[in-house]
PDB file of N, CA and C in Angstrom:
ATOM      1  N   MET A   1     105.347  88.396 106.083  1.00  0.00           N
ATOM      2  CA  MET A   1     104.950  89.394 106.807  1.00  0.00           C
ATOM      3  C   MET A   1     104.990  88.895 108.242  1.00  0.00           C
ATOM      4  N   SER A   2     105.667  89.280 109.143  1.00  0.00           N
ATOM      5  CA  SER A   2     105.940  88.777 110.517  1.00  0.00           C
ATOM      6  C   SER A   2     104.856  89.242 111.365  1.00  0.00           C
ATOM      7  N   ARG A   3     104.457  88.221 112.154  1.00  0.00           N
ATOM      8  CA  ARG A   3     103.076  88.473 113.280  1.00  0.00           C
ATOM      9  C   ARG A   3     103.700  89.114 114.651  1.00  0.00           C
ATOM     10  N   VAL A   4     104.317  90.352 114.421  1.00  0.00           N
ATOM     11  CA  VAL A   4     104.997  91.021 115.657  1.00  0.00           C
ATOM     12  C   VAL A   4     104.394  92.332 115.602  1.00  0.00           C
ATOM     13  N   CYS A   5     103.778  93.081 116.734  1.00  0.00           N
ATOM     14  CA  CYS A   5     103.461  94.232 116.601  1.00  0.00           C
ATOM     15  C   CYS A   5     104.812  95.412 116.524  1.00  0.00           C
ATOM     16  N   GLU A   6     104.314  96.270 115.780  1.00  0.00           N
ATOM     17  CA  GLU A   6     105.483  97.150 115.428  1.00  0.00           C
ATOM     18  C   GLU A   6     105.758  98.292 116.741  1.00  0.00           C
ATOM     19  N   LEU A   7     104.835  98.263 117.784  1.00  0.00           N
ATOM     20  CA  LEU A   7     105.056  99.532 118.642  1.00  0.00           C
ATOM     21  C   LEU A   7     105.324  98.832 120.028  1.00  0.00           C
ATOM     22  N   THR A   8     104.762  97.486 120.158  1.00  0.00           N
ATOM     23  CA  THR A   8     104.891  96.768 121.484  1.00  0.00           C
ATOM     24  C   THR A   8     106.111  95.632 121.302  1.00  0.00           C
ATOM     25  N   GLY A   9     106.298  95.228 120.241  1.00  0.00           N
ATOM     26  CA  GLY A   9     106.945  93.682 120.184  1.00  0.00           C
ATOM     27  C   GLY A   9     106.342  92.634 120.646  1.00  0.00           C
ATOM     28  N   LYS A  10     105.014  92.727 120.680  1.00  0.00           N
ATOM     29  CA  LYS A  10     104.153  91.617 121.117  1.00  0.00           C
ATOM     30  C   LYS A  10     104.414  90.613 119.831  1.00  0.00           C
ATOM     31  N   GLY A  11     104.419  89.418 120.243  1.00  0.00           N
ATOM     32  CA  GLY A  11     104.527  88.369 118.851  1.00  0.00           C
ATOM     33  C   GLY A  11     103.679  86.996 119.478  1.00  0.00           C
ATOM     34  N   PRO A  12     104.068  85.952 118.672  1.00  0.00           N
ATOM     35  CA  PRO A  12     103.088  85.016 119.060  1.00  0.00           C
ATOM     36  C   PRO A  12     103.668  84.116 120.286  1.00  0.00           C
ATOM     37  N   MET A  13     102.882  83.546 121.079  1.00  0.00           N
ATOM     38  CA  MET A  13     103.351  82.588 122.160  1.00  0.00           C
ATOM     39  C   MET A  13     102.987  81.192 122.123  1.00  0.00           C
ATOM     40  N   THR A  14     103.388  80.121 122.885  1.00  0.00           N
ATOM     41  CA  THR A  14     102.834  78.910 122.554  1.00  0.00           C
ATOM     42  C   THR A  14     102.249  78.440 123.801  1.00  0.00           C
ATOM     43  N   GLY A  15     101.529  77.519 123.875  1.00  0.00           N
ATOM     44  CA  GLY A  15     100.843  76.899 124.873  1.00  0.00           C
ATOM     45  C   GLY A  15     100.425  75.432 124.456  1.00  0.00           C
ATOM     46  N   ASN A  16      99.277  75.062 125.253  1.00  0.00           N
ATOM     47  CA  ASN A  16      98.726  73.697 125.022  1.00  0.00           C
ATOM     48  C   ASN A  16      97.285  73.882 124.677  1.00  0.00           C
ATOM     49  N   ASN A  17      96.919  72.918 123.723  1.00  0.00           N
ATOM     50  CA  ASN A  17      95.275  72.756 123.811  1.00  0.00           C
ATOM     51  C   ASN A  17      95.011  71.532 124.711  1.00  0.00           C
ATOM     52  N   VAL A  18      94.052  71.785 125.659  1.00  0.00           N
ATOM     53  CA  VAL A  18      93.815  70.675 126.567  1.00  0.00           C
ATOM     54  C   VAL A  18      92.545  70.132 126.513  1.00  0.00           C
ATOM     55  N   SER A  19      92.376  68.769 126.076  1.00  0.00           N
ATOM     56  CA  SER A  19      91.189  68.329 125.875  1.00  0.00           C
ATOM     57  C   SER A  19      90.445  67.953 127.373  1.00  0.00           C
ATOM     58  N   HIS A  20      89.181  67.365 127.107  1.00  0.00           N
ATOM     59  CA  HIS A  20      88.518  67.022 128.218  1.00  0.00           C
ATOM     60  C   HIS A  20      88.973  65.878 128.868  1.00  0.00           C
ATOM     61  N   ALA A  21      89.920  65.011 128.292  1.00  0.00           N
ATOM     62  CA  ALA A  21      90.492  63.828 128.552  1.00  0.00           C
ATOM     63  C   ALA A  21      91.951  64.095 129.211  1.00  0.00           C
ATOM     64  N   ASN A  22      92.159  65.459 129.138  1.00  0.00           N
ATOM     65  CA  ASN A  22      93.482  66.046 129.644  1.00  0.00           C
ATOM     66  C   ASN A  22      94.589  65.510 128.606  1.00  0.00           C
ATOM     67  N   ASN A  23      94.441  65.353 127.236  1.00  0.00           N
ATOM     68  CA  ASN A  23      95.332  65.361 126.493  1.00  0.00           C
ATOM     69  C   ASN A  23      95.963  66.792 125.765  1.00  0.00           C
ATOM     70  N   LYS A  24      97.153  66.890 125.713  1.00  0.00           N
ATOM     71  CA  LYS A  24      97.858  68.008 125.582  1.00  0.00           C
ATOM     72  C   LYS A  24      98.308  68.076 124.092  1.00  0.00           C
ATOM     73  N   THR A  25      97.869  69.136 123.456  1.00  0.00           N
ATOM     74  CA  THR A  25      99.053  69.034 121.963  1.00  0.00           C
ATOM     75  C   THR A  25      99.139  70.574 121.995  1.00  0.00           C
ATOM     76  N   LYS A  26     100.488  70.808 121.397  1.00  0.00           N
ATOM     77  CA  LYS A  26     100.845  72.416 121.016  1.00  0.00           C
ATOM     78  C   LYS A  26     100.005  73.157 120.320  1.00  0.00           C
ATOM     79  N   ARG A  27     100.022  74.383 120.582  1.00  0.00           N
ATOM     80  CA  ARG A  27      99.277  75.401 119.795  1.00  0.00           C
ATOM     81  C   ARG A  27      99.913  76.656 120.007  1.00  0.00           C
ATOM     82  N   ARG A  28      99.757  77.701 118.929  1.00  0.00           N
ATOM     83  CA  ARG A  28     100.385  79.055 119.135  1.00  0.00           C
ATOM     84  C   ARG A  28      98.988  80.175 119.281  1.00  0.00           C
ATOM     85  N   PHE A  29      99.362  81.182 120.340  1.00  0.00           N
ATOM     86  CA  PHE A  29      98.667  81.879 120.698  1.00  0.00           C
ATOM     87  C   PHE A  29      99.018  83.383 119.785  1.00  0.00           C
ATOM     88  N   LEU A  30      98.149  83.676 118.768  1.00  0.00           N
ATOM     89  CA  LEU A  30      98.701  84.825 117.576  1.00  0.00           C
ATOM     90  C   LEU A  30      98.250  86.109 118.315  1.00  0.00           C
ATOM     91  N   PRO A  31      99.126  87.330 118.235  1.00  0.00           N
ATOM     92  CA  PRO A  31      98.533  88.450 118.631  1.00  0.00           C
ATOM     93  C   PRO A  31      97.568  89.173 117.646  1.00  0.00           C
ATOM     94  N   ASN A  32      96.688  89.966 118.102  1.00  0.00           N
ATOM     95  CA  ASN A  32      95.476  90.478 117.197  1.00  0.00           C
ATOM     96  C   ASN A  32      96.028  91.740 116.478  1.00  0.00           C
ATOM     97  N   LEU A  33      96.603  91.445 115.515  1.00  0.00           N
ATOM     98  CA  LEU A  33      97.440  92.742 114.628  1.00  0.00           C
ATOM     99  C   LEU A  33      96.370  93.127 113.986  1.00  0.00           C
ATOM    100  N   ASN A  34      96.576  94.387 113.429  1.00  0.00           N
ATOM    101  CA  ASN A  34      95.479  95.359 112.830  1.00  0.00           C
ATOM    102  C   ASN A  34      96.507  96.260 111.739  1.00  0.00           C
ATOM    103  N   ASP A  35      96.153  96.454 110.445  1.00  0.00           N
ATOM    104  CA  ASP A  35      97.034  97.416 109.628  1.00  0.00           C
ATOM    105  C   ASP A  35      96.138  98.661 109.840  1.00  0.00           C
ATOM    106  N   VAL A  36      96.711  99.622 110.588  1.00  0.00           N
ATOM    107  CA  VAL A  36      96.266 101.060 110.764  1.00  0.00           C
ATOM    108  C   VAL A  36      97.140 102.047 110.297  1.00  0.00           C
ATOM    109  N   THR A  37      96.534 103.360 110.033  1.00  0.00           N
ATOM    110  CA  THR A  37      97.121 104.453 109.596  1.00  0.00           C
ATOM    111  C   THR A  37      97.087 105.496 110.610  1.00  0.00           C
ATOM    112  N   LEU A  38      98.064 105.891 111.406  1.00  0.00           N
ATOM    113  CA  LEU A  38      98.178 106.785 112.455  1.00  0.00           C
ATOM    114  C   LEU A  38      98.539 108.141 112.234  1.00  0.00           C
ATOM    115  N   GLN A  39      97.773 109.213 112.610  1.00  0.00           N
ATOM    116  CA  GLN A  39      98.292 110.565 112.165  1.00  0.00           C
ATOM    117  C   GLN A  39      99.270 111.039 113.059  1.00  0.00           C
ATOM    118  N   SER A  40     100.151 111.644 112.370  1.00  0.00           N
ATOM    119  CA  SER A  40     101.294 112.575 113.267  1.00  0.00           C
ATOM    120  C   SER A  40     100.986 113.930 113.250  1.00  0.00           C
ATOM    121  N   GLU A  41     100.909 114.416 114.252  1.00  0.00           N
ATOM    122  CA  GLU A  41     100.685 115.869 114.402  1.00  0.00           C
ATOM    123  C   GLU A  41     101.929 116.891 114.028  1.00  0.00           C
ATOM    124  N   ALA A  42     102.980 116.136 114.412  1.00  0.00           N
ATOM    125  CA  ALA A  42     104.392 116.790 114.467  1.00  0.00           C
ATOM    126  C   ALA A  42     104.666 117.055 112.725  1.00  0.00           C
ATOM    127  N   LEU A  43     104.522 115.579 112.064  1.00  0.00           N
ATOM    128  CA  LEU A  43     104.874 115.611 110.562  1.00  0.00           C
ATOM    129  C   LEU A  43     103.788 115.814 109.686  1.00  0.00           C
ATOM    130  N   GLY A  44     102.508 115.999 110.151  1.00  0.00           N
ATOM    131  CA  GLY A  44     101.343 116.514 109.391  1.00  0.00           C
ATOM    132  C   GLY A  44     101.085 115.135 108.317  1.00  0.00           C
ATOM    133  N   ARG A  45     101.119 114.015 108.671  1.00  0.00           N
ATOM    134  CA  ARG A  45     100.632 112.932 107.688  1.00  0.00           C
ATOM    135  C   ARG A  45     100.459 111.779 108.302  1.00  0.00           C
ATOM    136  N   GLY A  46     100.003 110.747 107.681  1.00  0.00           N
ATOM    137  CA  GLY A  46      99.649 109.373 108.242  1.00  0.00           C
ATOM    138  C   GLY A  46     100.816 108.593 108.218  1.00  0.00           C
ATOM    139  N   ILE A  47     100.635 107.713 109.097  1.00  0.00           N
ATOM    140  CA  ILE A  47     102.145 106.662 109.256  1.00  0.00           C
ATOM    141  C   ILE A  47     101.347 105.360 109.157  1.00  0.00           C
ATOM    142  N   LYS A  48     101.480 104.216 108.119  1.00  0.00           N
ATOM    143  CA  LYS A  48     101.104 103.077 108.067  1.00  0.00           C
ATOM    144  C   LYS A  48     101.535 101.950 109.208  1.00  0.00           C
ATOM    145  N   LEU A  49     101.283 101.428 110.165  1.00  0.00           N
ATOM    146  CA  LEU A  49     101.533 100.538 110.931  1.00  0.00           C
ATOM    147  C   LEU A  49     101.004  99.179 111.063  1.00  0.00           C
ATOM    148  N   ARG A  50     101.426  98.195 111.470  1.00  0.00           N
ATOM    149  CA  ARG A  50     100.756  96.913 111.819  1.00  0.00           C
ATOM    150  C   ARG A  50     100.872  96.796 113.237  1.00  0.00           C
ATOM    151  N   ILE A  51      99.972  96.971 114.105  1.00  0.00           N
ATOM    152  CA  ILE A  51      99.962  96.995 115.508  1.00  0.00           C
ATOM    153  C   ILE A  51      98.829  96.231 116.468  1.00  0.00           C
ATOM    154  N   SER A  52      99.177  95.604 117.390  1.00  0.00           N
ATOM    155  CA  SER A  52      98.157  94.955 118.097  1.00  0.00           C
ATOM    156  C   SER A  52      97.010  95.953 118.532  1.00  0.00           C
ATOM    157  N   ALA A  53      95.858  95.203 118.758  1.00  0.00           N
ATOM    158  CA  ALA A  53      94.697  96.061 119.204  1.00  0.00           C
ATOM    159  C   ALA A  53      94.911  96.700 120.502  1.00  0.00           C
ATOM    160  N   ALA A  54      95.726  96.091 121.588  1.00  0.00           N
ATOM    161  CA  ALA A  54      96.156  96.563 122.773  1.00  0.00           C
ATOM    162  C   ALA A  54      97.011  97.699 122.694  1.00  0.00           C
ATOM    163  N   ALA A  55      97.961  97.741 121.726  1.00  0.00           N
ATOM    164  CA  ALA A  55      98.858  98.887 121.304  1.00  0.00           C
ATOM    165  C   ALA A  55      98.007 100.201 120.974  1.00  0.00           C
ATOM    166  N   LEU A  56      96.957  99.774 119.943  1.00  0.00           N
ATOM    167  CA  LEU A  56      96.072 100.849 119.689  1.00  0.00           C
ATOM    168  C   LEU A  56      95.330 101.551 120.733  1.00  0.00           C
ATOM    169  N   ARG A  57      95.093 101.005 121.768  1.00  0.00           N
ATOM    170  CA  ARG A  57      94.053 101.540 122.533  1.00  0.00           C
ATOM    171  C   ARG A  57      95.245 102.401 123.554  1.00  0.00           C
ATOM    172  N   SER A  58      96.432 101.878 123.736  1.00  0.00           N
ATOM    173  CA  SER A  58      97.490 102.462 124.418  1.00  0.00           C
ATOM    174  C   SER A  58      97.653 103.838 123.847  1.00  0.00           C
ATOM    175  N   VAL A  59      97.945 103.780 122.220  1.00  0.00           N
ATOM    176  CA  VAL A  59      98.124 104.970 121.735  1.00  0.00           C
ATOM    177  C   VAL A  59      97.107 106.218 121.940  1.00  0.00           C
ATOM    178  N   ASP A  60      95.778 105.609 122.081  1.00  0.00           N
ATOM    179  CA  ASP A  60      94.490 106.529 122.046  1.00  0.00           C
ATOM    180  C   ASP A  60      94.594 107.080 123.676  1.00  0.00           C
ATOM    181  N   HIS A  61      95.270 105.957 124.509  1.00  0.00           N
ATOM    182  CA  HIS A  61      95.289 106.534 126.021  1.00  0.00           C
ATOM    183  C   HIS A  61      96.171 107.712 126.264  1.00  0.00           C
ATOM    184  N   ARG A  62      97.545 107.396 125.382  1.00  0.00           N
ATOM    185  CA  ARG A  62      98.463 108.387 125.696  1.00  0.00           C
ATOM    186  C   ARG A  62      98.107 109.768 124.704  1.00  0.00           C
ATOM    187  N   GLY A  63      97.330 109.724 123.887  1.00  0.00           N
ATOM    188  CA  GLY A  63      96.979 111.107 123.313  1.00  0.00           C
ATOM    189  C   GLY A  63      97.586 111.285 121.875  1.00  0.00           C
ATOM    190  N   GLY A  64      98.088 110.276 121.181  1.00  0.00           N
ATOM    191  CA  GLY A  64      98.211 110.215 119.991  1.00  0.00           C
ATOM    192  C   GLY A  64      99.608 109.409 119.690  1.00  0.00           C
ATOM    193  N   LEU A  65     100.052 109.242 118.455  1.00  0.00           N
ATOM    194  CA  LEU A  65     101.253 108.577 118.066  1.00  0.00           C
ATOM    195  C   LEU A  65     102.364 109.546 118.668  1.00  0.00           C
ATOM    196  N   ASP A  66     102.302 110.651 118.313  1.00  0.00           N
ATOM    197  CA  ASP A  66     103.471 111.458 118.865  1.00  0.00           C
ATOM    198  C   ASP A  66     103.929 111.324 120.122  1.00  0.00           C
ATOM    199  N   LEU A  67     102.817 111.533 121.234  1.00  0.00           N
ATOM    200  CA  LEU A  67     103.356 111.233 122.460  1.00  0.00           C
ATOM    201  C   LEU A  67     103.516 109.741 122.869  1.00  0.00           C
ATOM    202  N   TYR A  68     102.835 108.755 121.957  1.00  0.00           N
ATOM    203  CA  TYR A  68     103.325 107.301 122.492  1.00  0.00           C
ATOM    204  C   TYR A  68     104.614 106.983 122.436  1.00  0.00           C
ATOM    205  N   LEU A  69     104.972 107.457 120.941  1.00  0.00           N
ATOM    206  CA  LEU A  69     106.553 107.163 120.475  1.00  0.00           C
ATOM    207  C   LEU A  69     107.551 107.966 121.537  1.00  0.00           C
ATOM    208  N   ALA A  70     107.371 109.031 121.971  1.00  0.00           N
ATOM    209  CA  ALA A  70     108.022 109.922 122.814  1.00  0.00           C
ATOM    210  C   ALA A  70     108.573 109.063 123.909  1.00  0.00           C
ATOM    211  N   LYS A  71     107.476 108.464 124.672  1.00  0.00           N
ATOM    212  CA  LYS A  71     107.845 107.376 125.723  1.00  0.00           C
ATOM    213  C   LYS A  71     108.061 106.020 125.715  1.00  0.00           C
ATOM    214  N   ALA A  72     108.029 105.574 124.298  1.00  0.00           N
ATOM    215  CA  ALA A  72     107.984 104.145 124.283  1.00  0.00           C
ATOM    216  C   ALA A  72     109.842 103.866 124.118  1.00  0.00           C
ATOM    217  N   LYS A  73     110.066 102.603 124.480  1.00  0.00           N
ATOM    218  CA  LYS A  73     111.558 102.149 124.603  1.00  0.00           C
ATOM    219  C   LYS A  73     111.984 101.735 123.235  1.00  0.00           C
ATOM    220  N   ASP A  74     112.919 102.312 122.860  1.00  0.00           N
ATOM    221  CA  ASP A  74     113.722 101.911 121.573  1.00  0.00           C
ATOM    222  C   ASP A  74     113.787 100.548 121.055  1.00  0.00           C
ATOM    223  N   GLU A  75     114.178  99.417 122.254  1.00  0.00           N
ATOM    224  CA  GLU A  75     114.381  98.203 122.113  1.00  0.00           C
ATOM    225  C   GLU A  75     112.943  97.657 121.470  1.00  0.00           C
ATOM    226  N   GLU A  76     111.578  97.940 121.982  1.00  0.00           N
ATOM    227  CA  GLU A  76     110.517  97.212 121.834  1.00  0.00           C
ATOM    228  C   GLU A  76     110.128  97.884 120.115  1.00  0.00           C
ATOM    229  N   LEU A  77     110.341  98.891 119.810  1.00  0.00           N
ATOM    230  CA  LEU A  77     110.040  99.300 118.471  1.00  0.00           C
ATOM    231  C   LEU A  77     110.653  98.790 117.370  1.00  0.00           C
ATOM    232  N   SER A  78     109.886  98.673 116.298  1.00  0.00           N
ATOM    233  CA  SER A  78     110.617  97.910 114.925  1.00  0.00           C
ATOM    234  C   SER A  78     111.409  99.242 114.254  1.00  0.00           C
ATOM    235  N   ALA A  79     111.673  98.632 113.244  1.00  0.00           N
ATOM    236  CA  ALA A  79     112.851  99.584 112.522  1.00  0.00           C
ATOM    237  C   ALA A  79     112.120 100.573 111.729  1.00  0.00           C
ATOM    238  N   ASN A  80     110.817 100.439 111.472  1.00  0.00           N
ATOM    239  CA  ASN A  80     110.114 101.405 110.657  1.00  0.00           C
ATOM    240  C   ASN A  80     109.509 102.349 111.899  1.00  0.00           C
ATOM    241  N   ALA A  81     109.026 101.940 112.829  1.00  0.00           N
ATOM    242  CA  ALA A  81     108.504 102.790 114.100  1.00  0.00           C
ATOM    243  C   ALA A  81     109.715 103.548 114.653  1.00  0.00           C
ATOM    244  N   LEU A  82     110.882 103.122 114.866  1.00  0.00           N
ATOM    245  CA  LEU A  82     112.299 103.891 115.259  1.00  0.00           C
ATOM    246  C   LEU A  82     112.489 104.828 114.330  1.00  0.00           C
ATOM    247  N   LYS A  83     112.322 104.803 113.037  1.00  0.00           N
ATOM    248  CA  LYS A  83     112.706 105.706 112.058  1.00  0.00           C
ATOM    249  C   LYS A  83     111.727 106.784 112.259  1.00  0.00           C
ATOM    250  N   VAL A  84     110.180 106.539 112.223  1.00  0.00           N
ATOM    251  CA  VAL A  84     109.274 107.412 112.536  1.00  0.00           C
ATOM    252  C   VAL A  84     109.531 108.548 113.875  1.00  0.00           C
ATOM    253  N   LYS A  85     109.772 107.655 114.821  1.00  0.00           N
ATOM    254  CA  LYS A  85     110.232 108.489 115.988  1.00  0.00           C
ATOM    255  C   LYS A  85     111.352 109.377 115.943  1.00  0.00           C
ATOM    256  N   LYS A  86     112.310 109.126 115.189  1.00  0.00           N
ATOM    257  CA  LYS A  86     113.162 109.960 115.331  1.00  0.00           C
ATOM    258  C   LYS A  86     112.910 111.099 114.092  1.00  0.00           C
ATOM    259  N   GLU A  87     112.181 110.976 113.238  1.00  0.00           N
ATOM    260  CA  GLU A  87     111.506 111.929 112.371  1.00  0.00           C
ATOM    261  C   GLU A  87     110.793 112.940 113.049  1.00  0.00           C
ATOM    262  N   ILE A  88     109.942 112.349 114.054  1.00  0.00           N
ATOM    263  CA  ILE A  88     108.998 113.456 114.799  1.00  0.00           C
ATOM    264  C   ILE A  88     109.921 114.090 115.694  1.00  0.00           C
ATOM    265  N   ALA A  89     110.974 113.428 116.502  1.00  0.00           N
ATOM    266  CA  ALA A  89     111.857 114.420 117.139  1.00  0.00           C
ATOM    267  C   ALA A  89     112.510 115.407 116.378  1.00  0.00           C
ATOM    268  N   LYS A  90     112.912 115.108 115.499  1.00  0.00           N
ATOM    269  CA  LYS A  90     113.569 116.192 114.615  1.00  0.00           C
ATOM    270  C   LYS A  90     112.653 117.287 114.278  1.00  0.00           C
ATOM    271  N   ALA A  91     111.380 117.105 113.750  1.00  0.00           N
ATOM    272  CA  ALA A  91     110.339 118.065 113.330  1.00  0.00           C
ATOM    273  C   ALA A  91     110.068 118.722 114.546  1.00  0.00           C
ATOM    274  N   LYS A  92     109.935 118.251 115.744  1.00  0.00           N
ATOM    275  CA  LYS A  92     109.532 118.971 116.994  1.00  0.00           C
ATOM    276  C   LYS A  92     110.744 119.809 117.304  1.00  0.00           C
ATOM    277  N   ALA A  93     111.986 119.452 117.283  1.00  0.00           N
ATOM    278  CA  ALA A  93     112.965 120.438 117.499  1.00  0.00           C
ATOM    279  C   ALA A  93     113.366 121.287 116.417  1.00  0.00           C
ATOM    280  N   ALA A  94     112.999 121.364 115.202  1.00  0.00           N
ATOM    281  CA  ALA A  94     112.916 122.423 114.283  1.00  0.00           C
ATOM    282  C   ALA A  94     111.813 123.287 114.573  1.00  0.00           C
ATOM    283  N   SER A  95     110.620 122.964 115.185  1.00  0.00           N
ATOM    284  CA  SER A  95     109.612 123.779 115.099  1.00  0.00           C
ATOM    285  C   SER A  95     109.869 124.643 116.458  1.00  0.00           C
ATOM    286  N   ALA A  96     110.505 124.272 117.474  1.00  0.00           N
ATOM    287  CA  ALA A  96     110.532 124.846 118.813  1.00  0.00           C
ATOM    288  C   ALA A  96     111.689 126.017 118.725  1.00  0.00           C
TER     289      ALA A  96
END
């Protein structure tokens, strides 16, 4: 399982541990990923995603998964999230 957020594309970063004596050793900064189920209003079901805590706050801020995916760039989304985005767009077009 990769350590990449499915909505934002945020992944591990590298840096240094710096001791009091100023010795530097490599380390990794991992994103705070959570397995969540987000409800889609257009599809009427829950979608399981592995997203960062920051992305979860962004989804809440924009008003839900449907509105977040409508504004999200396709390059940042995972294959699973991109598939859900297209399903939501198709469901909205059919209901309109």
